[in-house]
């Protein structure tokens, strides 16, 4: 994603937000969307250095100023130097550079020209111009900034003065660009602690979170998260826009999805308040879609309508992911290839992710994966039956194991170090050991001894080996009933009875809870009585004729009116008389 600079203008440096999908080891060769890092604020923007009368002023933040209204009816009587001073924050760099060339070429003007050239991404021209003002107090910092913008980060790291706050900040940013995240994070922590830039703490926190996200260590992430929480409390829960986004991504990385979603919704509302057509609305939607892993149909429909967006590469990639989650689509592979062809400044890791995505799509469609430079993970997935070397990488092993039904072969190639510290992986290995003769894999069971005792006890219970199960039993309540059954099956009834007697059932000891249960029972009886009343057969209401008078009903109707005429009493009497 484009970086967001301090003055709000985008700078094409390197993508700092990654929304790619990777291999999902728990299912098949499909993937899920992930987030990598957040926005970075570029403090070294020389907006305020562009004032010749005050060349020593530090460039940290450019305040938005309203353009002055020019009187178009009269000619501009100002000199070039006056125009440069007064319009330094209003006119575009190209126009300012043209005006500066009309001024007297003193050191301040030359410094201004070099900064304008940096803003126009003409770093080499700026460096050549700076050679003429080596004695200027701002020469060293401006030169380092030009080198930084030119991507020469190691020179900046080596030559910057660590006792100069501005240059120290450049070092932190250069270390970040050089992927030396821990060193960069330590410098940011130092700058924040010493309060070197009191007006820019929010921007420093934004970059601190960005570096922590890229470093990825959970302990550091939690430490930085607490630091951000404390800072926001001091600011009365007020967030800057970039910090709000990065803090949401930080919560996502810590798997605290509820807080992450709350902040990204807040970020979206803030974007709408600023500008309802902002591209950041699309960014907020992308992140929300990753947080809400459902309703893929609506996501696909929405993404299909998005065109010419700065995040088009990510959108195409995620569109392919969501479409595949609904059903396999013939366009998915094509979209991944289009994402790779887009002129988007991918990091090496992102480009590698796209190569992996493309290969996954080819594997799913039974096409040969011809992508060069694929990692071993994909090599295993492509040639999983031919792989004959021990696998010491957990990701590679899981890809191989989930695509191979031969438990014997899976265990033979398993060589992940320190796997006994991972409960999930240990359970996975024991599940495969249950399917084979474990005499050849005693070294795996030895590694688990003392580390995963409960899992080993369960393993031997399932194998029916009571003595070995008892060796690893640690008075766990959940295992007592299983051991009792196994003991009885092995003819050790007394031992089974001991296990049954030792099982502790959790009773209710809280009187308040007991009284609450009694009330609920009483309530249930009342409800039962009401149900019985409702279930009683209702008496059918008598429907009387219209205008019927109950007090004077008149003669009763003939009771034999329902009988056939020849069966009625009066008809029978008439027949008897005739006979």
Protein backbone atom coordinates (compact mmCIF):
# COMPACT_ATOMS: atom_id res chain seq x y z
CA UNK A 1 0.00 0.00 0.00
CA UNK A 2 1.12 3.56 -0.51
CA UNK A 3 2.73 5.15 2.49
CA UNK A 4 0.93 8.08 3.99
CA UNK A 5 3.30 10.98 4.52
CA UNK A 6 2.88 13.55 7.20
CA UNK A 7 1.48 16.18 4.88
CA UNK A 8 -1.07 13.78 3.46
CA UNK A 9 0.57 13.32 0.04
CA UNK A 10 1.21 9.72 -1.03
CA UNK A 11 4.80 8.67 -1.67
CA UNK A 12 5.65 5.67 -3.84
CA UNK A 13 8.23 4.03 -1.60
CA UNK A 14 7.25 0.45 -0.77
CA UNK A 15 4.01 -1.32 0.13
CA UNK A 16 3.46 -1.45 3.85
CA UNK A 17 0.16 -3.26 3.87
CA UNK A 18 -0.13 -6.82 2.73
CA UNK A 19 -3.45 -8.59 2.20
CA UNK A 20 -2.34 -11.80 0.54
CA UNK A 21 -3.53 -15.34 1.07
CA UNK A 22 -1.20 -18.14 2.05
CA UNK A 23 -1.44 -21.90 2.31
CA UNK A 24 -4.09 -23.06 4.76
CA UNK A 25 -2.49 -26.09 6.38
CA UNK A 26 -5.67 -27.24 8.09
CA UNK A 27 -7.64 -27.92 4.92
CA UNK A 28 -6.44 -28.26 1.33
CA UNK A 29 -4.19 -26.24 -0.92
CA UNK A 30 -6.29 -23.11 -0.48
CA UNK A 31 -5.54 -20.08 1.61
CA UNK A 32 -6.85 -17.21 3.68
CA UNK A 33 -6.29 -13.45 3.66
CA UNK A 34 -3.70 -12.10 6.07
CA UNK A 35 -2.45 -8.66 7.05
CA UNK A 36 1.21 -7.78 7.33
CA UNK A 37 1.77 -4.21 8.51
CA UNK A 38 0.36 -0.69 8.56
CA UNK A 39 1.07 2.84 7.47
CA UNK A 40 4.33 4.68 7.98
CA UNK A 41 4.66 8.41 8.42
CA UNK A 42 7.59 10.00 6.61
CA UNK A 43 8.79 12.74 8.99
CA UNK A 44 11.69 13.81 6.85
CA UNK A 45 9.49 15.71 4.41
CA UNK A 46 11.23 19.09 4.03
CA UNK A 47 8.04 21.13 3.81
CA UNK A 48 9.07 23.76 6.34
CA UNK A 49 12.74 23.76 5.33
CA UNK A 50 11.61 25.41 2.12
CA UNK A 51 11.77 28.85 3.72
CA UNK A 52 15.00 30.67 2.79
CA UNK A 53 14.71 33.18 5.62
CA UNK A 54 14.64 30.41 8.22
CA UNK A 55 16.84 27.57 6.93
CA UNK A 56 17.46 26.09 10.40
CA UNK A 57 13.84 25.25 11.02
CA UNK A 58 13.38 21.51 11.48
CA UNK A 59 11.14 19.71 8.96
CA UNK A 60 8.74 17.53 10.84
CA UNK A 61 5.18 18.44 9.99
CA UNK A 62 3.57 20.61 7.35
CA UNK A 63 0.44 22.35 8.57
CA UNK A 64 -2.31 22.82 6.04
CA UNK A 65 -2.64 26.44 5.12
CA UNK A 66 -5.30 28.15 3.07
CA UNK A 67 -4.18 29.54 -0.22
CA UNK A 68 -4.01 33.26 -0.33
CA UNK A 69 -6.36 34.92 -2.75
CA UNK A 70 -4.48 36.67 -5.50
CA UNK A 71 -5.82 39.79 -7.13
CA UNK A 72 -6.04 38.80 -10.78
CA UNK A 73 -6.93 42.34 -11.87
CA UNK A 74 -3.51 43.80 -10.91
CA UNK A 75 -0.02 42.62 -11.71
CA UNK A 76 1.99 40.86 -9.02
CA UNK A 77 4.45 43.50 -7.82
CA UNK A 78 6.33 41.11 -5.50
CA UNK A 79 9.93 40.16 -6.11
CA UNK A 80 10.77 36.46 -6.74
CA UNK A 81 12.20 36.08 -3.24
CA UNK A 82 9.01 37.54 -1.73
CA UNK A 83 6.86 35.16 -3.77
CA UNK A 84 9.03 32.25 -2.66
CA UNK A 85 8.66 33.22 1.01
CA UNK A 86 4.92 33.82 0.90
CA UNK A 87 3.86 30.97 -1.43
CA UNK A 88 6.21 28.29 -0.15
CA UNK A 89 3.32 26.15 1.13
CA UNK A 90 0.80 26.97 -1.61
CA UNK A 91 2.44 26.51 -5.00
CA UNK A 92 3.53 23.16 -6.48
CA UNK A 93 7.25 22.27 -6.33
CA UNK A 94 7.70 22.72 -10.10
CA UNK A 95 6.47 26.32 -9.93
CA UNK A 96 8.51 27.07 -6.80
CA UNK A 97 11.65 25.71 -8.45
CA UNK A 98 11.08 27.98 -11.44
CA UNK A 99 10.65 31.03 -9.16
CA UNK A 100 13.74 30.14 -7.09
CA UNK A 101 15.90 30.16 -10.20
CA UNK A 102 15.02 33.85 -10.68
CA UNK A 103 16.23 34.72 -7.18
CA UNK A 104 19.74 35.63 -6.15
CA UNK A 105 21.60 32.31 -5.86
CA UNK A 106 22.75 32.45 -2.25
CA UNK A 107 23.12 29.45 0.07
CA UNK A 108 19.53 29.57 1.36
CA UNK A 109 18.07 29.65 -2.13
CA UNK A 110 20.32 26.80 -3.25
CA UNK A 111 19.21 24.80 -0.21
CA UNK A 112 15.59 25.49 -1.12
CA UNK A 113 16.21 24.35 -4.70
CA UNK A 114 17.82 21.10 -3.53
CA UNK A 115 14.82 20.37 -1.28
CA UNK A 116 12.42 21.07 -4.14
CA UNK A 117 14.40 18.67 -6.34
CA UNK A 118 14.08 16.01 -3.63
CA UNK A 119 10.32 16.58 -3.57
CA UNK A 120 10.33 16.07 -7.34
CA UNK A 121 12.24 12.77 -6.89
CA UNK A 122 15.38 14.18 -8.55
CA UNK A 123 17.71 13.08 -5.78
CA UNK A 124 20.90 13.00 -7.83
CA UNK A 125 20.36 16.57 -9.05
CA UNK A 126 19.74 17.61 -5.45
CA UNK A 127 22.97 15.91 -4.28
CA UNK A 128 24.98 17.66 -7.00
CA UNK A 129 23.49 21.01 -6.02
CA UNK A 130 24.20 20.44 -2.34
CA UNK A 131 27.93 20.16 -3.05
CA UNK A 132 27.93 23.95 -3.54
CA UNK A 133 26.74 24.63 0.03
CA UNK A 134 28.86 22.26 2.15
CA UNK A 135 29.24 24.96 4.82
CA UNK A 136 25.50 25.40 5.32
CA UNK A 137 24.27 24.20 8.76
CA UNK A 138 21.49 22.14 7.14
CA UNK A 139 23.77 20.56 4.53
CA UNK A 140 24.38 17.26 6.32
CA UNK A 141 20.76 16.55 7.17
CA UNK A 142 19.49 17.55 3.71
CA UNK A 143 22.13 15.38 2.03
CA UNK A 144 21.21 12.40 4.23
CA UNK A 145 17.55 12.94 3.44
CA UNK A 146 18.31 12.94 -0.31
CA UNK A 147 20.22 9.67 0.13
CA UNK A 148 17.31 8.26 2.13
CA UNK A 149 14.82 9.17 -0.60
CA UNK A 150 17.21 7.63 -3.15
CA UNK A 151 17.14 4.32 -1.26
CA UNK A 152 20.75 4.45 -0.04
CA UNK A 153 19.79 3.46 3.49
CA UNK A 154 23.10 1.95 4.58
CA UNK A 155 24.98 5.21 3.89
CA UNK A 156 22.41 7.09 6.00
CA UNK A 157 22.82 4.56 8.84
CA UNK A 158 26.63 4.80 8.74
CA UNK A 159 27.03 8.58 8.36
CA UNK A 160 24.18 10.03 10.46
CA UNK A 161 25.04 11.61 13.79
CA UNK A 162 23.25 9.79 16.57
CA UNK A 163 23.28 12.86 18.84
CA UNK A 164 21.22 14.82 16.30
CA UNK A 165 17.48 14.18 16.76
CA UNK A 166 16.55 14.73 13.09
CA UNK A 167 19.32 12.49 11.80
CA UNK A 168 18.52 9.85 14.45
CA UNK A 169 14.97 9.78 13.11
CA UNK A 170 16.32 9.23 9.60
CA UNK A 171 18.38 6.33 10.93
CA UNK A 172 15.25 4.74 12.45
CA UNK A 173 13.41 5.03 9.13
CA UNK A 174 16.41 3.71 7.17
CA UNK A 175 16.73 0.70 9.47
CA UNK A 176 13.03 0.02 8.94
CA UNK A 177 13.49 0.16 5.15
CA UNK A 178 16.52 -2.15 5.47
CA UNK A 179 14.33 -4.69 7.37
CA UNK A 180 16.38 -4.26 10.55
CA UNK A 181 13.22 -3.94 12.54
CA UNK A 182 14.51 -4.57 16.06
CA UNK A 183 17.18 -1.86 15.81
CA UNK A 184 14.67 0.55 14.27
CA UNK A 185 12.16 -0.19 17.01
CA UNK A 186 14.74 0.47 19.74
CA UNK A 187 15.57 3.90 18.25
CA UNK A 188 11.88 4.82 17.99
CA UNK A 189 11.45 3.80 21.64
CA UNK A 190 14.41 6.00 22.59
CA UNK A 191 13.07 9.01 20.65
CA UNK A 192 9.61 8.64 22.22
CA UNK A 193 11.03 8.17 25.72
CA UNK A 194 13.27 11.25 25.45
CA UNK A 195 10.34 13.23 24.01
CA UNK A 196 12.55 14.74 21.31
CA UNK A 197 9.55 15.70 19.16
CA UNK A 198 6.68 16.57 21.56
CA UNK A 199 4.39 17.79 18.76
CA UNK A 200 4.75 14.61 16.74
CA UNK A 201 4.21 11.83 19.27
CA UNK A 202 1.22 10.48 17.35
CA UNK A 203 3.27 10.10 14.17
CA UNK A 204 6.11 8.48 16.08
CA UNK A 205 3.64 6.01 17.63
CA UNK A 206 2.33 5.26 14.12
CA UNK A 207 5.80 4.32 12.93
CA UNK A 208 6.55 2.40 16.12
CA UNK A 209 3.49 0.19 15.55
CA UNK A 210 4.45 -0.22 11.89
CA UNK A 211 7.92 -1.49 12.79
CA UNK A 212 6.57 -3.80 15.53
CA UNK A 213 4.07 -5.32 13.08
CA UNK A 214 6.81 -6.02 10.58
CA UNK A 215 9.08 -7.50 13.26
CA UNK A 216 6.24 -9.81 14.33
CA UNK A 217 7.47 -10.88 17.78
CA UNK A 218 4.43 -11.37 20.04
CA UNK A 219 6.13 -10.08 23.22
CA UNK A 220 7.16 -6.87 21.44
CA UNK A 221 3.69 -6.52 19.89
CA UNK A 222 2.06 -6.72 23.31
CA UNK A 223 4.54 -4.22 24.78
CA UNK A 224 3.92 -1.75 21.94
CA UNK A 225 0.16 -2.31 22.20
CA UNK A 226 0.21 -1.33 25.87
CA UNK A 227 2.32 1.71 25.00
CA UNK A 228 -0.25 2.81 22.40
CA UNK A 229 -3.13 2.25 24.85
CA UNK A 230 -1.39 4.43 27.47
CA UNK A 231 -0.70 7.13 24.87
CA UNK A 232 -4.32 7.17 23.66
CA UNK A 233 -5.55 7.45 27.26
CA UNK A 234 -3.35 10.50 27.75
CA UNK A 235 -4.85 11.95 24.56
CA UNK A 236 -8.39 11.40 25.92
CA UNK A 237 -9.07 8.56 23.48
CA UNK A 238 -8.21 10.68 20.45
CA UNK A 239 -6.53 8.93 17.53
CA UNK A 240 -4.77 10.30 14.48
CA UNK A 241 -6.00 8.62 11.32
CA UNK A 242 -2.83 6.62 10.55
CA UNK A 243 -2.38 5.49 14.17
CA UNK A 244 -6.00 4.33 14.27
CA UNK A 245 -5.43 2.04 11.28
CA UNK A 246 -2.12 0.68 12.58
CA UNK A 247 -3.56 -0.01 16.04
CA UNK A 248 -6.38 -1.96 14.43
CA UNK A 249 -3.83 -4.07 12.54
CA UNK A 250 -1.87 -4.54 15.77
CA UNK A 251 -4.95 -5.95 17.51
CA UNK A 252 -5.50 -8.21 14.48
CA UNK A 253 -1.95 -9.54 14.76
CA UNK A 254 -2.57 -10.27 18.45
CA UNK A 255 -5.78 -12.15 17.46
CA UNK A 256 -7.94 -9.69 19.41
CA UNK A 257 -10.42 -9.44 16.57
CA UNK A 258 -13.20 -7.63 18.45
CA UNK A 259 -10.99 -4.63 19.29
CA UNK A 260 -9.51 -4.70 15.79
CA UNK A 261 -12.95 -4.50 14.21
CA UNK A 262 -14.05 -1.66 16.51
CA UNK A 263 -11.02 0.43 15.54
CA UNK A 264 -11.31 -0.24 11.81
CA UNK A 265 -14.99 0.81 11.90
CA UNK A 266 -13.92 3.96 13.72
CA UNK A 267 -11.22 4.50 11.08
CA UNK A 268 -13.83 4.11 8.33
CA UNK A 269 -16.12 6.67 9.97
CA UNK A 270 -13.19 9.09 10.30
CA UNK A 271 -12.40 8.69 6.60
CA UNK A 272 -16.04 9.37 5.70
CA UNK A 273 -15.97 12.56 7.77
CA UNK A 274 -12.83 13.76 5.98
CA UNK A 275 -13.77 12.79 2.45
CA UNK A 276 -16.42 10.28 1.49
CA UNK A 277 -14.64 9.43 -1.79
CA UNK A 278 -11.26 8.73 -0.16
CA UNK A 279 -9.38 5.61 -1.30
CA UNK A 280 -8.91 4.74 2.36
CA UNK A 281 -12.58 3.69 2.42
CA UNK A 282 -11.63 0.83 0.12
CA UNK A 283 -8.69 0.02 2.39
CA UNK A 284 -11.00 -0.07 5.44
CA UNK A 285 -13.38 -2.36 3.55
CA UNK A 286 -10.54 -4.73 2.60
CA UNK A 287 -9.50 -5.06 6.25
CA UNK A 288 -13.09 -5.56 7.42
CA UNK A 289 -13.55 -8.30 4.84
CA UNK A 290 -10.49 -10.09 6.22
CA UNK A 291 -11.88 -9.78 9.75
CA UNK A 292 -15.34 -11.03 8.71
CA UNK A 293 -14.64 -14.46 7.23
CA UNK A 294 -18.14 -14.99 5.85
CA UNK A 295 -20.59 -13.80 3.20
CA UNK A 296 -18.05 -14.28 0.43
CA UNK A 297 -20.74 -13.80 -2.21
CA UNK A 298 -21.29 -10.13 -1.36
CA UNK A 299 -17.52 -9.55 -1.12
CA UNK A 300 -17.02 -10.95 -4.60
CA UNK A 301 -19.79 -8.76 -6.01
CA UNK A 302 -18.30 -5.68 -4.33
CA UNK A 303 -14.72 -6.36 -5.45
CA UNK A 304 -15.79 -6.98 -9.04
CA UNK A 305 -17.05 -3.38 -9.21
CA UNK A 306 -13.81 -1.78 -7.94
CA UNK A 307 -11.54 -0.51 -10.70
CA UNK A 308 -8.46 1.75 -10.90
CA UNK A 309 -7.80 1.67 -7.16
CA UNK A 310 -4.29 2.05 -5.66
CA UNK A 311 -4.84 -1.32 -3.97
CA UNK A 312 -5.94 -3.04 -7.19
CA UNK A 313 -3.29 -5.77 -6.86
CA UNK A 314 -4.53 -6.68 -3.38
CA UNK A 315 -8.17 -6.48 -4.48
CA UNK A 316 -7.57 -8.86 -7.41
CA UNK A 317 -5.76 -11.29 -5.14
CA UNK A 318 -8.44 -11.26 -2.44
CA UNK A 319 -11.19 -11.47 -5.06
CA UNK A 320 -9.60 -14.71 -6.26
CA UNK A 321 -9.48 -16.00 -2.65
CA UNK A 322 -13.13 -15.24 -1.87
CA UNK A 323 -14.30 -16.62 -5.22
CA UNK A 324 -12.45 -19.88 -4.55
CA UNK A 325 -14.12 -20.15 -1.13
CA UNK A 326 -17.52 -20.11 -2.83
CA UNK A 327 -16.55 -22.44 -5.65
CA UNK A 328 -13.64 -22.92 -8.00
CA UNK A 329 -13.66 -20.20 -10.65
CA UNK A 330 -11.88 -20.15 -13.99
CA UNK A 331 -10.91 -16.47 -13.52
CA UNK A 332 -9.07 -16.92 -10.20
CA UNK A 333 -5.70 -17.88 -11.67
CA UNK A 334 -6.00 -15.12 -14.27
CA UNK A 335 -6.65 -12.55 -11.51
CA UNK A 336 -3.54 -13.62 -9.60
CA UNK A 337 -1.50 -13.22 -12.80
CA UNK A 338 -3.04 -9.76 -13.37
CA UNK A 339 -2.13 -8.75 -9.81
CA UNK A 340 1.49 -9.71 -10.51
CA UNK A 341 1.52 -7.67 -13.73
CA UNK A 342 0.25 -4.46 -12.07
CA UNK A 343 2.85 -1.71 -11.57
CA UNK A 344 2.71 -1.97 -7.77
CA UNK A 345 5.79 -1.65 -5.56
CA UNK A 346 5.72 -5.07 -3.93
CA UNK A 347 8.18 -6.03 -1.25
CA UNK A 348 10.16 -9.23 -1.97
CA UNK A 349 7.96 -11.05 0.54
CA UNK A 350 4.78 -9.90 -1.18
CA UNK A 351 6.07 -10.89 -4.60
CA UNK A 352 6.99 -14.30 -3.24
CA UNK A 353 3.48 -14.61 -1.80
CA UNK A 354 1.98 -13.90 -5.20
CA UNK A 355 4.22 -16.55 -6.78
CA UNK A 356 3.03 -19.01 -4.14
CA UNK A 357 -0.60 -18.04 -4.79
CA UNK A 358 -0.17 -18.63 -8.50
CA UNK A 359 1.41 -22.02 -7.90
CA UNK A 360 -1.39 -22.99 -5.49
CA UNK A 361 -3.98 -22.15 -8.13
CA UNK A 362 -2.08 -24.24 -10.67
CA UNK A 363 -1.88 -27.19 -8.26
CA UNK A 364 -5.61 -26.98 -7.48
CA UNK A 365 -6.36 -27.07 -11.22
CA UNK A 366 -3.88 -29.92 -11.83
CA UNK A 367 -1.70 -27.73 -13.98
CA UNK A 368 2.10 -27.87 -13.89
CA UNK A 369 3.53 -25.12 -11.69
CA UNK A 370 6.25 -23.53 -13.82
CA UNK A 371 6.87 -20.51 -11.59
CA UNK A 372 10.61 -20.12 -10.96
CA UNK A 373 12.07 -19.71 -7.49
CA UNK A 374 9.25 -21.39 -5.57
CA UNK A 375 9.95 -22.25 -1.92
CA UNK A 376 10.24 -25.84 -0.74
CA UNK A 377 6.68 -25.69 0.55
CA UNK A 378 5.37 -25.62 -3.00
CA UNK A 379 7.94 -28.11 -4.21
CA UNK A 380 6.61 -30.56 -1.64
CA UNK A 381 3.03 -29.88 -2.65
CA UNK A 382 3.86 -30.42 -6.32
CA UNK A 383 6.11 -33.47 -5.87
CA UNK A 384 4.80 -34.81 -2.57
CA UNK A 385 5.10 -38.48 -3.52
CA UNK A 386 8.72 -38.08 -4.70
CA UNK A 387 10.00 -36.17 -1.66
CA UNK A 388 12.63 -38.31 0.11
CA UNK A 389 14.56 -35.86 2.31
CA UNK A 390 13.82 -35.26 6.03
CA UNK A 391 11.63 -32.17 6.52
CA UNK A 392 12.76 -29.88 9.33
CA UNK A 393 10.47 -26.93 8.56
CA UNK A 394 7.07 -27.07 10.24
CA UNK A 395 5.22 -25.38 7.37
CA UNK A 396 6.78 -27.66 4.77
CA UNK A 397 5.99 -30.71 6.88
CA UNK A 398 2.35 -29.76 7.36
CA UNK A 399 1.88 -29.17 3.63
CA UNK A 400 3.43 -32.57 2.92
CA UNK A 401 1.50 -34.38 5.67
CA UNK A 402 -1.91 -32.94 4.79
CA UNK A 403 -1.45 -34.07 1.18
CA UNK A 404 -0.22 -37.59 1.92
CA UNK A 405 -2.17 -40.53 3.38
CA UNK A 406 0.87 -42.71 4.21
CA UNK A 407 1.41 -42.28 7.98
CA UNK A 408 4.55 -44.42 7.89
CA UNK A 409 6.16 -42.16 5.27
CA UNK A 410 5.02 -38.99 7.07
CA UNK A 411 6.72 -40.09 10.31
CA UNK A 412 9.89 -41.21 8.50
CA UNK A 413 10.37 -37.76 6.96
CA UNK A 414 9.44 -35.86 10.13
CA UNK A 415 12.47 -33.95 11.47
CA UNK A 416 11.04 -30.74 12.99
CA UNK A 417 13.24 -29.71 15.95
CA UNK A 418 11.70 -29.00 19.38
CA UNK A 419 8.29 -30.18 18.20
CA UNK A 420 7.49 -31.38 21.73
CA UNK A 421 6.97 -27.72 22.76
CA UNK A 422 4.04 -27.41 20.34
CA UNK A 423 0.94 -29.18 21.68
CA UNK A 424 -0.92 -29.14 18.35
CA UNK A 425 2.01 -30.62 16.42
CA UNK A 426 2.58 -33.21 19.17
CA UNK A 427 -1.07 -34.27 18.95
CA UNK A 428 -0.75 -34.51 15.17
CA UNK A 429 2.31 -36.79 15.42
CA UNK A 430 0.69 -39.04 18.05
CA UNK A 431 -2.42 -39.39 15.85
CA UNK A 432 -0.21 -40.79 13.06
CA UNK A 433 1.70 -43.00 15.51
CA UNK A 434 -1.59 -44.67 16.44
CA UNK A 435 -1.90 -45.88 12.82
CA UNK A 436 1.53 -47.58 12.65
CA UNK A 437 3.88 -49.77 14.65
CA UNK A 438 5.54 -47.27 16.97
CA UNK A 439 8.59 -49.45 17.66
CA UNK A 440 10.46 -47.65 14.84
CA UNK A 441 9.60 -44.21 16.24
CA UNK A 442 10.51 -44.52 19.91
CA UNK A 443 12.75 -41.46 19.55
CA UNK A 444 9.64 -39.32 18.95
CA UNK A 445 7.96 -40.69 22.09
CA UNK A 446 11.14 -40.07 24.08
CA UNK A 447 11.14 -36.42 22.98
CA UNK A 448 7.58 -36.02 24.26
CA UNK A 449 8.36 -37.58 27.64
CA UNK A 450 8.25 -34.96 30.38
CA UNK A 451 6.89 -32.31 27.97
CA UNK A 452 3.47 -33.61 26.90
CA UNK A 453 2.68 -36.12 29.67
CA UNK A 454 -1.10 -35.86 29.34
CA UNK A 455 -0.94 -36.46 25.59
CA UNK A 456 1.33 -39.48 26.13
CA UNK A 457 -1.04 -40.89 28.75
CA UNK A 458 -3.97 -40.54 26.35
CA UNK A 459 -1.88 -42.13 23.58
CA UNK A 460 -1.10 -45.25 25.64
CA UNK A 461 -4.72 -45.49 26.83
CA UNK A 462 -5.83 -45.62 23.18
CA UNK A 463 -3.12 -48.20 22.47
CA UNK A 464 -4.43 -50.27 25.41
CA UNK A 465 -1.07 -50.24 27.25
CA UNK A 466 -2.10 -49.68 30.87
CA UNK A 467 1.37 -49.85 32.49
CA UNK A 468 2.83 -47.20 30.16
CA UNK A 469 -0.26 -45.03 30.56
CA UNK A 470 0.18 -45.13 34.35
CA UNK A 471 3.82 -44.04 33.97
CA UNK A 472 2.64 -40.74 32.45
CA UNK A 473 -0.47 -40.25 34.63
CA UNK A 474 -0.35 -36.98 36.62
CA UNK A 475 -3.58 -37.14 38.66
CA UNK A 476 -5.57 -35.46 35.87
CA UNK A 477 -9.32 -35.70 36.51
CA UNK A 478 -10.12 -36.00 32.80
CA UNK A 479 -8.04 -39.19 32.52
CA UNK A 480 -9.30 -41.06 35.59
CA UNK A 481 -12.49 -42.38 33.98
CA UNK A 482 -10.52 -43.59 30.92
CA UNK A 483 -7.93 -45.33 33.12
CA UNK A 484 -10.74 -46.89 35.20
CA UNK A 485 -12.30 -48.45 32.08
CA UNK A 486 -8.92 -49.67 30.80
CA UNK A 487 -8.07 -51.18 34.21
CA UNK A 488 -11.38 -53.10 34.27
CA UNK A 489 -10.79 -54.32 30.70
CA UNK A 490 -7.34 -55.60 31.75
CA UNK A 491 -8.88 -57.49 34.71
CA UNK A 492 -7.64 -55.08 37.37
CA UNK A 493 -11.01 -54.36 38.96
CA UNK A 494 -9.56 -53.06 42.24
CA UNK A 495 -7.41 -50.48 40.44
CA UNK A 496 -10.44 -49.47 38.36
CA UNK A 497 -12.52 -49.06 41.52
CA UNK A 498 -9.79 -46.88 43.03
CA UNK A 499 -9.86 -44.58 40.00
CA UNK A 500 -13.67 -44.38 40.15
CA UNK A 501 -13.63 -43.57 43.88
CA UNK A 502 -11.00 -40.84 43.34
CA UNK A 503 -13.06 -39.00 40.72
CA UNK A 504 -14.20 -35.71 42.22
CA UNK A 505 -17.56 -34.51 41.03
CA UNK A 506 -18.10 -30.81 41.16
CA UNK A 507 -21.12 -30.09 43.34
CA UNK A 508 -22.88 -26.79 43.98
CA UNK A 509 -21.70 -25.21 47.22
CA UNK A 510 -22.84 -21.64 46.65
CA UNK A 511 -26.10 -21.05 48.58
CA UNK A 512 -27.11 -18.20 46.30
CA UNK A 513 -26.91 -20.54 43.31
CA UNK A 514 -28.93 -23.20 45.16
CA UNK A 515 -31.67 -20.66 46.01
CA UNK A 516 -31.70 -19.50 42.41
CA UNK A 517 -32.20 -23.10 41.25
CA UNK A 518 -35.06 -23.56 43.71
CA UNK A 519 -36.76 -20.45 42.37
CA UNK A 520 -36.35 -21.70 38.83
CA UNK A 521 -37.84 -25.09 39.81
CA UNK A 522 -40.81 -23.33 41.44
CA UNK A 523 -41.28 -21.22 38.38
CA UNK A 524 -41.21 -24.28 36.17
CA UNK A 525 -44.08 -25.84 38.22
CA UNK A 526 -46.20 -22.74 37.75
CA UNK A 527 -45.53 -22.84 34.04
CA UNK A 528 -46.53 -26.52 33.96
CA UNK A 529 -49.85 -25.72 35.64
CA UNK A 530 -50.52 -22.97 33.13
CA UNK A 531 -49.83 -25.35 30.29
CA UNK A 532 -52.32 -27.87 31.72
CA UNK A 533 -54.99 -25.17 31.93
CA UNK A 534 -54.38 -24.20 28.34
CA UNK A 535 -54.54 -27.84 27.26
CA UNK A 536 -58.02 -28.36 28.81
CA UNK A 537 -60.73 -28.92 26.18
CA UNK A 538 -62.74 -25.79 25.64
CA UNK A 539 -66.54 -25.97 25.66
CA UNK A 540 -68.09 -25.29 22.31
CA UNK A 541 -70.14 -22.10 22.32
CA UNK A 542 -73.79 -22.55 21.33
CA UNK A 543 -74.70 -20.53 18.28
CA UNK A 544 -78.34 -19.36 18.41
CA UNK A 545 -80.42 -18.26 15.40
CA UNK A 546 -80.70 -14.59 14.58
CA UNK A 547 -83.14 -12.62 16.79
CA UNK A 548 -83.53 -15.67 19.08
CA UNK A 549 -84.99 -14.88 22.53
CA UNK A 550 -83.57 -17.09 25.27
CA UNK A 551 -86.39 -16.12 27.72
CA UNK A 552 -89.15 -17.11 25.28
CA UNK A 553 -87.73 -19.76 23.02
CA UNK A 554 -91.11 -21.04 21.78
CA UNK A 555 -91.90 -24.69 20.93
CA UNK A 556 -88.97 -27.08 20.91
CA UNK A 557 -87.95 -28.51 17.54
CA UNK A 558 -88.99 -32.06 16.63
CA UNK A 559 -86.40 -34.44 18.16
CA UNK A 560 -86.95 -36.89 15.28
CA UNK A 561 -86.16 -34.31 12.63
CA UNK A 562 -82.86 -36.06 11.82
CA UNK A 563 -84.56 -39.48 11.19
CA UNK A 564 -85.77 -40.55 7.73
CA UNK A 565 -89.46 -39.81 7.26
CA UNK A 566 -90.52 -43.48 7.17
CA UNK A 567 -88.91 -44.05 10.58
CA UNK A 568 -90.57 -41.19 12.41
CA UNK A 569 -93.19 -42.02 15.06
CA UNK A 570 -96.05 -40.05 13.57
CA UNK A 571 -95.60 -41.68 10.14
CA UNK A 572 -95.55 -45.15 11.69
CA UNK A 573 -98.83 -44.40 13.53
CA UNK A 574 -100.53 -43.37 10.28
CA UNK A 575 -99.42 -46.62 8.60
CA UNK A 576 -100.77 -48.72 11.49
CA UNK A 577 -104.18 -47.04 11.24
CA UNK A 578 -104.36 -47.73 7.54
CA UNK A 579 -103.68 -51.40 8.06
